[in-house]
Amino acid sequence: MTIYLATFDMKAMSHDYAALYEHLQVIDAHQAQSSAWMIEAESTIIELSNHLLALMDKDDSLLIIEITKSTHWAATHLSEQTGEWLIKRRP
């Protein structure tokens, strides 16, 4: 399994994002910030990107970064359990 950090910039006020949020819940994604999600998946980064983009408006933007054991990270004021979520998956 691979861990990704996916960040969204939703620009379309009229777009219904319910399907996107439902999908994130179904795949047990972890919301680290209001528009940043940690996702553990067997998908490639391209497959994940294509799937998420299909649930978004055409004017929205998406950034996905693969997190590996050697990826360095630092953070403050994330949602609760984000550090625990990462450590559990990448000891």
PDB file of N, CA and C in Angstrom:
ATOM      1  N   MET A   1       0.840  -1.182   0.000  1.00  0.00           N
ATOM      2  CA  MET A   1       0.000   0.000   0.000  1.00  0.00           C
ATOM      3  C   MET A   1       0.885   1.244   0.000  1.00  0.00           C
ATOM      4  N   THR A   2       0.406   2.264  -0.641  1.00  0.00           N
ATOM      5  CA  THR A   2       1.119   3.529  -0.737  1.00  0.00           C
ATOM      6  C   THR A   2       0.318   4.608  -0.025  1.00  0.00           C
ATOM      7  N   ILE A   3       1.027   5.529   0.615  1.00  0.00           N
ATOM      8  CA  ILE A   3       0.359   6.652   1.260  1.00  0.00           C
ATOM      9  C   ILE A   3       0.570   7.892   0.399  1.00  0.00           C
ATOM     10  N   TYR A   4      -0.524   8.618   0.214  1.00  0.00           N
ATOM     11  CA  TYR A   4      -0.493   9.855  -0.552  1.00  0.00           C
ATOM     12  C   TYR A   4      -1.050  10.996   0.296  1.00  0.00           C
ATOM     13  N   LEU A   5      -0.548  12.186   0.041  1.00  0.00           N
ATOM     14  CA  LEU A   5      -1.149  13.399   0.566  1.00  0.00           C
ATOM     15  C   LEU A   5      -1.847  14.055  -0.614  1.00  0.00           C
ATOM     16  N   ALA A   6      -3.145  14.228  -0.510  1.00  0.00           N
ATOM     17  CA  ALA A   6      -3.925  14.859  -1.578  1.00  0.00           C
ATOM     18  C   ALA A   6      -4.493  16.166  -1.053  1.00  0.00           C
ATOM     19  N   THR A   7      -4.237  17.234  -1.790  1.00  0.00           N
ATOM     20  CA  THR A   7      -4.800  18.529  -1.415  1.00  0.00           C
ATOM     21  C   THR A   7      -5.703  19.015  -2.542  1.00  0.00           C
ATOM     22  N   PHE A   8      -6.781  19.632  -2.142  1.00  0.00           N
ATOM     23  CA  PHE A   8      -7.807  20.066  -3.085  1.00  0.00           C
ATOM     24  C   PHE A   8      -7.996  21.571  -2.992  1.00  0.00           C
ATOM     25  N   ASP A   9      -8.247  22.205  -4.125  1.00  0.00           N
ATOM     26  CA  ASP A   9      -8.659  23.598  -4.171  1.00  0.00           C
ATOM     27  C   ASP A   9      -9.953  23.620  -4.957  1.00  0.00           C
ATOM     28  N   MET A  10     -11.051  23.614  -4.210  1.00  0.00           N
ATOM     29  CA  MET A  10     -12.366  23.577  -4.840  1.00  0.00           C
ATOM     30  C   MET A  10     -12.828  24.995  -5.151  1.00  0.00           C
ATOM     31  N   LYS A  11     -12.975  25.276  -6.412  1.00  0.00           N
ATOM     32  CA  LYS A  11     -13.290  26.632  -6.851  1.00  0.00           C
ATOM     33  C   LYS A  11     -14.742  26.807  -7.254  1.00  0.00           C
ATOM     34  N   ALA A  12     -15.429  25.736  -7.523  1.00  0.00           N
ATOM     35  CA  ALA A  12     -16.800  25.814  -8.039  1.00  0.00           C
ATOM     36  C   ALA A  12     -17.804  25.785  -6.889  1.00  0.00           C
ATOM     37  N   MET A  13     -18.353  26.924  -6.578  1.00  0.00           N
ATOM     38  CA  MET A  13     -19.318  27.011  -5.480  1.00  0.00           C
ATOM     39  C   MET A  13     -20.588  26.211  -5.771  1.00  0.00           C
ATOM     40  N   SER A  14     -20.922  26.047  -7.030  1.00  0.00           N
ATOM     41  CA  SER A  14     -22.160  25.355  -7.382  1.00  0.00           C
ATOM     42  C   SER A  14     -21.984  23.841  -7.548  1.00  0.00           C
ATOM     43  N   HIS A  15     -20.751  23.341  -7.512  1.00  0.00           N
ATOM     44  CA  HIS A  15     -20.507  21.908  -7.705  1.00  0.00           C
ATOM     45  C   HIS A  15     -20.900  21.132  -6.449  1.00  0.00           C
ATOM     46  N   ASP A  16     -21.489  19.972  -6.640  1.00  0.00           N
ATOM     47  CA  ASP A  16     -21.865  19.107  -5.515  1.00  0.00           C
ATOM     48  C   ASP A  16     -20.704  18.149  -5.248  1.00  0.00           C
ATOM     49  N   TYR A  17     -20.023  18.347  -4.125  1.00  0.00           N
ATOM     50  CA  TYR A  17     -18.855  17.542  -3.773  1.00  0.00           C
ATOM     51  C   TYR A  17     -19.205  16.331  -2.911  1.00  0.00           C
ATOM     52  N   ALA A  18     -20.482  16.036  -2.756  1.00  0.00           N
ATOM     53  CA  ALA A  18     -20.893  14.926  -1.888  1.00  0.00           C
ATOM     54  C   ALA A  18     -20.236  13.613  -2.312  1.00  0.00           C
ATOM     55  N   ALA A  19     -20.169  13.347  -3.599  1.00  0.00           N
ATOM     56  CA  ALA A  19     -19.573  12.087  -4.075  1.00  0.00           C
ATOM     57  C   ALA A  19     -18.093  12.010  -3.729  1.00  0.00           C
ATOM     58  N   LEU A  20     -17.397  13.131  -3.800  1.00  0.00           N
ATOM     59  CA  LEU A  20     -15.979  13.162  -3.449  1.00  0.00           C
ATOM     60  C   LEU A  20     -15.800  12.846  -1.964  1.00  0.00           C
ATOM     61  N   TYR A  21     -16.554  13.523  -1.113  1.00  0.00           N
ATOM     62  CA  TYR A  21     -16.431  13.296   0.328  1.00  0.00           C
ATOM     63  C   TYR A  21     -16.867  11.885   0.724  1.00  0.00           C
ATOM     64  N   GLU A  22     -17.885  11.369   0.056  1.00  0.00           N
ATOM     65  CA  GLU A  22     -18.310   9.983   0.313  1.00  0.00           C
ATOM     66  C   GLU A  22     -17.197   9.007  -0.060  1.00  0.00           C
ATOM     67  N   HIS A  23     -16.551   9.255  -1.192  1.00  0.00           N
ATOM     68  CA  HIS A  23     -15.457   8.383  -1.631  1.00  0.00           C
ATOM     69  C   HIS A  23     -14.301   8.428  -0.631  1.00  0.00           C
ATOM     70  N   LEU A  24     -13.948   9.622  -0.166  1.00  0.00           N
ATOM     71  CA  LEU A  24     -12.871   9.743   0.817  1.00  0.00           C
ATOM     72  C   LEU A  24     -13.208   8.987   2.098  1.00  0.00           C
ATOM     73  N   GLN A  25     -14.472   9.013   2.480  1.00  0.00           N
ATOM     74  CA  GLN A  25     -14.898   8.272   3.667  1.00  0.00           C
ATOM     75  C   GLN A  25     -14.830   6.767   3.420  1.00  0.00           C
ATOM     76  N   VAL A  26     -15.277   6.318   2.273  1.00  0.00           N
ATOM     77  CA  VAL A  26     -15.284   4.888   1.936  1.00  0.00           C
ATOM     78  C   VAL A  26     -13.872   4.317   1.923  1.00  0.00           C
ATOM     79  N   ILE A  27     -12.905   5.083   1.413  1.00  0.00           N
ATOM     80  CA  ILE A  27     -11.529   4.577   1.343  1.00  0.00           C
ATOM     81  C   ILE A  27     -10.760   4.849   2.635  1.00  0.00           C
ATOM     82  N   ASP A  28     -11.458   5.338   3.648  1.00  0.00           N
ATOM     83  CA  ASP A  28     -10.872   5.581   4.972  1.00  0.00           C
ATOM     84  C   ASP A  28      -9.727   6.588   4.914  1.00  0.00           C
ATOM     85  N   ALA A  29      -9.901   7.631   4.095  1.00  0.00           N
ATOM     86  CA  ALA A  29      -8.912   8.709   4.029  1.00  0.00           C
ATOM     87  C   ALA A  29      -8.958   9.494   5.332  1.00  0.00           C
ATOM     88  N   HIS A  30      -7.838  10.078   5.690  1.00  0.00           N
ATOM     89  CA  HIS A  30      -7.752  10.856   6.928  1.00  0.00           C
ATOM     90  C   HIS A  30      -7.627  12.335   6.579  1.00  0.00           C
ATOM     91  N   GLN A  31      -8.530  13.144   7.119  1.00  0.00           N
ATOM     92  CA  GLN A  31      -8.509  14.580   6.857  1.00  0.00           C
ATOM     93  C   GLN A  31      -7.519  15.256   7.799  1.00  0.00           C
ATOM     94  N   ALA A  32      -6.395  15.697   7.246  1.00  0.00           N
ATOM     95  CA  ALA A  32      -5.353  16.341   8.041  1.00  0.00           C
ATOM     96  C   ALA A  32      -5.604  17.840   8.197  1.00  0.00           C
ATOM     97  N   GLN A  33      -6.158  18.461   7.178  1.00  0.00           N
ATOM     98  CA  GLN A  33      -6.540  19.871   7.182  1.00  0.00           C
ATOM     99  C   GLN A  33      -7.832  19.986   6.397  1.00  0.00           C
ATOM    100  N   SER A  34      -8.392  21.179   6.333  1.00  0.00           N
ATOM    101  CA  SER A  34      -9.701  21.314   5.686  1.00  0.00           C
ATOM    102  C   SER A  34      -9.703  20.812   4.240  1.00  0.00           C
ATOM    103  N   SER A  35      -8.598  20.978   3.524  1.00  0.00           N
ATOM    104  CA  SER A  35      -8.567  20.494   2.139  1.00  0.00           C
ATOM    105  C   SER A  35      -7.370  19.582   1.861  1.00  0.00           C
ATOM    106  N   ALA A  36      -6.837  18.969   2.920  1.00  0.00           N
ATOM    107  CA  ALA A  36      -5.692  18.053   2.777  1.00  0.00           C
ATOM    108  C   ALA A  36      -6.052  16.706   3.387  1.00  0.00           C
ATOM    109  N   TRP A  37      -5.881  15.670   2.612  1.00  0.00           N
ATOM    110  CA  TRP A  37      -6.277  14.320   3.029  1.00  0.00           C
ATOM    111  C   TRP A  37      -5.121  13.353   2.869  1.00  0.00           C
ATOM    112  N   MET A  38      -4.944  12.473   3.837  1.00  0.00           N
ATOM    113  CA  MET A  38      -3.982  11.378   3.760  1.00  0.00           C
ATOM    114  C   MET A  38      -4.754  10.158   3.255  1.00  0.00           C
ATOM    115  N   ILE A  39      -4.236   9.538   2.219  1.00  0.00           N
ATOM    116  CA  ILE A  39      -4.917   8.407   1.587  1.00  0.00           C
ATOM    117  C   ILE A  39      -3.946   7.241   1.484  1.00  0.00           C
ATOM    118  N   GLU A  40      -4.352   6.085   1.963  1.00  0.00           N
ATOM    119  CA  GLU A  40      -3.567   4.863   1.797  1.00  0.00           C
ATOM    120  C   GLU A  40      -4.278   4.024   0.745  1.00  0.00           C
ATOM    121  N   ALA A  41      -3.573   3.699  -0.340  1.00  0.00           N
ATOM    122  CA  ALA A  41      -4.219   3.010  -1.456  1.00  0.00           C
ATOM    123  C   ALA A  41      -3.245   2.113  -2.195  1.00  0.00           C
ATOM    124  N   GLU A  42      -3.787   1.144  -2.884  1.00  0.00           N
ATOM    125  CA  GLU A  42      -2.988   0.300  -3.767  1.00  0.00           C
ATOM    126  C   GLU A  42      -2.896   0.898  -5.166  1.00  0.00           C
ATOM    127  N   SER A  43      -3.646   1.938  -5.410  1.00  0.00           N
ATOM    128  CA  SER A  43      -3.665   2.597  -6.713  1.00  0.00           C
ATOM    129  C   SER A  43      -2.344   3.296  -6.988  1.00  0.00           C
ATOM    130  N   THR A  44      -2.041   3.460  -8.259  1.00  0.00           N
ATOM    131  CA  THR A  44      -0.911   4.309  -8.631  1.00  0.00           C
ATOM    132  C   THR A  44      -1.336   5.760  -8.437  1.00  0.00           C
ATOM    133  N   ILE A  45      -0.382   6.655  -8.443  1.00  0.00           N
ATOM    134  CA  ILE A  45      -0.704   8.066  -8.270  1.00  0.00           C
ATOM    135  C   ILE A  45      -1.579   8.571  -9.423  1.00  0.00           C
ATOM    136  N   ILE A  46      -1.346   8.069 -10.620  1.00  0.00           N
ATOM    137  CA  ILE A  46      -2.150   8.468 -11.784  1.00  0.00           C
ATOM    138  C   ILE A  46      -3.578   7.946 -11.648  1.00  0.00           C
ATOM    139  N   GLU A  47      -3.732   6.689 -11.242  1.00  0.00           N
ATOM    140  CA  GLU A  47      -5.072   6.125 -11.051  1.00  0.00           C
ATOM    141  C   GLU A  47      -5.842   6.900  -9.994  1.00  0.00           C
ATOM    142  N   LEU A  48      -5.180   7.198  -8.870  1.00  0.00           N
ATOM    143  CA  LEU A  48      -5.835   7.946  -7.809  1.00  0.00           C
ATOM    144  C   LEU A  48      -6.211   9.339  -8.302  1.00  0.00           C
ATOM    145  N   SER A  49      -5.295   9.992  -8.972  1.00  0.00           N
ATOM    146  CA  SER A  49      -5.561  11.324  -9.504  1.00  0.00           C
ATOM    147  C   SER A  49      -6.759  11.317 -10.449  1.00  0.00           C
ATOM    148  N   ASN A  50      -6.790  10.400 -11.384  1.00  0.00           N
ATOM    149  CA  ASN A  50      -7.895  10.326 -12.341  1.00  0.00           C
ATOM    150  C   ASN A  50      -9.227  10.080 -11.641  1.00  0.00           C
ATOM    151  N   HIS A  51      -9.207   9.217 -10.637  1.00  0.00           N
ATOM    152  CA  HIS A  51     -10.452   8.911  -9.925  1.00  0.00           C
ATOM    153  C   HIS A  51     -10.955  10.134  -9.157  1.00  0.00           C
ATOM    154  N   LEU A  52     -10.056  10.806  -8.439  1.00  0.00           N
ATOM    155  CA  LEU A  52     -10.474  11.983  -7.673  1.00  0.00           C
ATOM    156  C   LEU A  52     -10.911  13.122  -8.590  1.00  0.00           C
ATOM    157  N   LEU A  53     -10.183  13.325  -9.688  1.00  0.00           N
ATOM    158  CA  LEU A  53     -10.553  14.389 -10.629  1.00  0.00           C
ATOM    159  C   LEU A  53     -11.937  14.159 -11.222  1.00  0.00           C
ATOM    160  N   ALA A  54     -12.320  12.912 -11.403  1.00  0.00           N
ATOM    161  CA  ALA A  54     -13.645  12.605 -11.949  1.00  0.00           C
ATOM    162  C   ALA A  54     -14.760  13.019 -10.992  1.00  0.00           C
ATOM    163  N   LEU A  55     -14.438  13.183  -9.714  1.00  0.00           N
ATOM    164  CA  LEU A  55     -15.430  13.571  -8.705  1.00  0.00           C
ATOM    165  C   LEU A  55     -15.407  15.076  -8.424  1.00  0.00           C
ATOM    166  N   MET A  56     -14.526  15.788  -9.108  1.00  0.00           N
ATOM    167  CA  MET A  56     -14.346  17.215  -8.871  1.00  0.00           C
ATOM    168  C   MET A  56     -14.834  18.027 -10.062  1.00  0.00           C
ATOM    169  N   ASP A  57     -14.934  19.330  -9.875  1.00  0.00           N
ATOM    170  CA  ASP A  57     -15.283  20.231 -10.963  1.00  0.00           C
ATOM    171  C   ASP A  57     -14.065  20.420 -11.864  1.00  0.00           C
ATOM    172  N   LYS A  58     -14.285  20.703 -13.119  1.00  0.00           N
ATOM    173  CA  LYS A  58     -13.177  20.857 -14.075  1.00  0.00           C
ATOM    174  C   LYS A  58     -12.260  22.035 -13.743  1.00  0.00           C
ATOM    175  N   ASP A  59     -12.735  23.006 -12.982  1.00  0.00           N
ATOM    176  CA  ASP A  59     -11.917  24.163 -12.620  1.00  0.00           C
ATOM    177  C   ASP A  59     -11.171  23.999 -11.297  1.00  0.00           C
ATOM    178  N   ASP A  60     -11.435  22.904 -10.574  1.00  0.00           N
ATOM    179  CA  ASP A  60     -10.759  22.642  -9.305  1.00  0.00           C
ATOM    180  C   ASP A  60      -9.317  22.217  -9.557  1.00  0.00           C
ATOM    181  N   SER A  61      -8.485  22.324  -8.531  1.00  0.00           N
ATOM    182  CA  SER A  61      -7.118  21.831  -8.665  1.00  0.00           C
ATOM    183  C   SER A  61      -6.850  20.746  -7.628  1.00  0.00           C
ATOM    184  N   LEU A  62      -5.925  19.886  -7.953  1.00  0.00           N
ATOM    185  CA  LEU A  62      -5.589  18.733  -7.126  1.00  0.00           C
ATOM    186  C   LEU A  62      -4.074  18.572  -7.134  1.00  0.00           C
ATOM    187  N   LEU A  63      -3.516  18.356  -5.947  1.00  0.00           N
ATOM    188  CA  LEU A  63      -2.096  18.053  -5.809  1.00  0.00           C
ATOM    189  C   LEU A  63      -1.987  16.772  -5.008  1.00  0.00           C
ATOM    190  N   ILE A  64      -1.274  15.785  -5.539  1.00  0.00           N
ATOM    191  CA  ILE A  64      -1.066  14.521  -4.836  1.00  0.00           C
ATOM    192  C   ILE A  64       0.435  14.278  -4.737  1.00  0.00           C
ATOM    193  N   ILE A  65       0.884  13.946  -3.523  1.00  0.00           N
ATOM    194  CA  ILE A  65       2.292  13.657  -3.274  1.00  0.00           C
ATOM    195  C   ILE A  65       2.388  12.301  -2.602  1.00  0.00           C
ATOM    196  N   GLU A  66       3.290  11.455  -3.095  1.00  0.00           N
ATOM    197  CA  GLU A  66       3.506  10.148  -2.472  1.00  0.00           C
ATOM    198  C   GLU A  66       4.384  10.321  -1.233  1.00  0.00           C
ATOM    199  N   ILE A  67       3.975   9.696  -0.158  1.00  0.00           N
ATOM    200  CA  ILE A  67       4.745   9.730   1.089  1.00  0.00           C
ATOM    201  C   ILE A  67       5.408   8.368   1.268  1.00  0.00           C
ATOM    202  N   THR A  68       6.730   8.379   1.326  1.00  0.00           N
ATOM    203  CA  THR A  68       7.485   7.143   1.502  1.00  0.00           C
ATOM    204  C   THR A  68       8.128   7.141   2.884  1.00  0.00           C
ATOM    205  N   LYS A  69       8.796   6.053   3.217  1.00  0.00           N
ATOM    206  CA  LYS A  69       9.482   5.992   4.505  1.00  0.00           C
ATOM    207  C   LYS A  69      10.560   7.053   4.622  1.00  0.00           C
ATOM    208  N   SER A  70      11.111   7.494   3.519  1.00  0.00           N
ATOM    209  CA  SER A  70      12.178   8.494   3.565  1.00  0.00           C
ATOM    210  C   SER A  70      11.661   9.929   3.406  1.00  0.00           C
ATOM    211  N   THR A  71      10.355  10.095   3.242  1.00  0.00           N
ATOM    212  CA  THR A  71       9.797  11.436   3.116  1.00  0.00           C
ATOM    213  C   THR A  71       9.865  12.136   4.470  1.00  0.00           C
ATOM    214  N   HIS A  72      10.463  13.297   4.489  1.00  0.00           N
ATOM    215  CA  HIS A  72      10.523  14.087   5.710  1.00  0.00           C
ATOM    216  C   HIS A  72       9.274  14.948   5.782  1.00  0.00           C
ATOM    217  N   TRP A  73       8.765  15.134   6.993  1.00  0.00           N
ATOM    218  CA  TRP A  73       7.597  15.989   7.139  1.00  0.00           C
ATOM    219  C   TRP A  73       7.594  16.644   8.512  1.00  0.00           C
ATOM    220  N   ALA A  74       6.992  17.787   8.550  1.00  0.00           N
ATOM    221  CA  ALA A  74       6.792  18.528   9.791  1.00  0.00           C
ATOM    222  C   ALA A  74       5.435  19.199   9.676  1.00  0.00           C
ATOM    223  N   ALA A  75       4.779  19.373  10.789  1.00  0.00           N
ATOM    224  CA  ALA A  75       3.442  19.947  10.733  1.00  0.00           C
ATOM    225  C   ALA A  75       3.058  20.563  12.068  1.00  0.00           C
ATOM    226  N   THR A  76       2.145  21.500  12.005  1.00  0.00           N
ATOM    227  CA  THR A  76       1.547  22.063  13.207  1.00  0.00           C
ATOM    228  C   THR A  76       0.057  22.241  12.973  1.00  0.00           C
ATOM    229  N   HIS A  77      -0.684  22.137  14.016  1.00  0.00           N
ATOM    230  CA  HIS A  77      -2.124  22.400  14.017  1.00  0.00           C
ATOM    231  C   HIS A  77      -2.904  21.563  13.003  1.00  0.00           C
ATOM    232  N   LEU A  78      -2.516  20.311  12.857  1.00  0.00           N
ATOM    233  CA  LEU A  78      -3.285  19.409  12.009  1.00  0.00           C
ATOM    234  C   LEU A  78      -4.479  18.888  12.798  1.00  0.00           C
ATOM    235  N   SER A  79      -5.393  18.232  12.115  1.00  0.00           N
ATOM    236  CA  SER A  79      -6.517  17.641  12.831  1.00  0.00           C
ATOM    237  C   SER A  79      -5.992  16.548  13.758  1.00  0.00           C
ATOM    238  N   GLU A  80      -6.774  16.248  14.757  1.00  0.00           N
ATOM    239  CA  GLU A  80      -6.361  15.242  15.732  1.00  0.00           C
ATOM    240  C   GLU A  80      -6.045  13.913  15.056  1.00  0.00           C
ATOM    241  N   GLN A  81      -5.115  13.206  15.592  1.00  0.00           N
ATOM    242  CA  GLN A  81      -4.697  11.877  15.173  1.00  0.00           C
ATOM    243  C   GLN A  81      -3.968  11.816  13.836  1.00  0.00           C
ATOM    244  N   THR A  82      -3.633  12.934  13.211  1.00  0.00           N
ATOM    245  CA  THR A  82      -2.916  12.876  11.939  1.00  0.00           C
ATOM    246  C   THR A  82      -1.539  12.251  12.121  1.00  0.00           C
ATOM    247  N   GLY A  83      -0.798  12.695  13.131  1.00  0.00           N
ATOM    248  CA  GLY A  83       0.521  12.113  13.399  1.00  0.00           C
ATOM    249  C   GLY A  83       0.418  10.638  13.703  1.00  0.00           C
ATOM    250  N   GLU A  84      -0.565  10.263  14.512  1.00  0.00           N
ATOM    251  CA  GLU A  84      -0.778   8.849  14.833  1.00  0.00           C
ATOM    252  C   GLU A  84      -1.116   8.054  13.573  1.00  0.00           C
ATOM    253  N   TRP A  85      -1.925   8.635  12.707  1.00  0.00           N
ATOM    254  CA  TRP A  85      -2.321   7.967  11.466  1.00  0.00           C
ATOM    255  C   TRP A  85      -1.083   7.673  10.630  1.00  0.00           C
ATOM    256  N   LEU A  86      -0.196   8.667  10.493  1.00  0.00           N
ATOM    257  CA  LEU A  86       1.020   8.489   9.714  1.00  0.00           C
ATOM    258  C   LEU A  86       1.978   7.481  10.367  1.00  0.00           C
ATOM    259  N   ILE A  87       2.189   7.627  11.660  1.00  0.00           N
ATOM    260  CA  ILE A  87       3.121   6.737  12.351  1.00  0.00           C
ATOM    261  C   ILE A  87       2.637   5.292  12.293  1.00  0.00           C
ATOM    262  N   LYS A  88       1.344   5.082  12.415  1.00  0.00           N
ATOM    263  CA  LYS A  88       0.783   3.723  12.357  1.00  0.00           C
ATOM    264  C   LYS A  88       1.059   3.074  11.002  1.00  0.00           C
ATOM    265  N   ARG A  89       1.031   3.886   9.953  1.00  0.00           N
ATOM    266  CA  ARG A  89       1.204   3.351   8.612  1.00  0.00           C
ATOM    267  C   ARG A  89       2.655   3.393   8.145  1.00  0.00           C
ATOM    268  N   ARG A  90       3.467   4.285   8.719  1.00  0.00           N
ATOM    269  CA  ARG A  90       4.877   4.413   8.373  1.00  0.00           C
ATOM    270  C   ARG A  90       5.692   4.536   9.645  1.00  0.00           C
ATOM    271  N   PRO A  91       5.929   3.403  10.344  1.00  0.00           N
ATOM    272  CA  PRO A  91       6.685   3.444  11.608  1.00  0.00           C
ATOM    273  C   PRO A  91       8.108   3.961  11.428  1.00  0.00           C
TER     274      PRO A  91
END
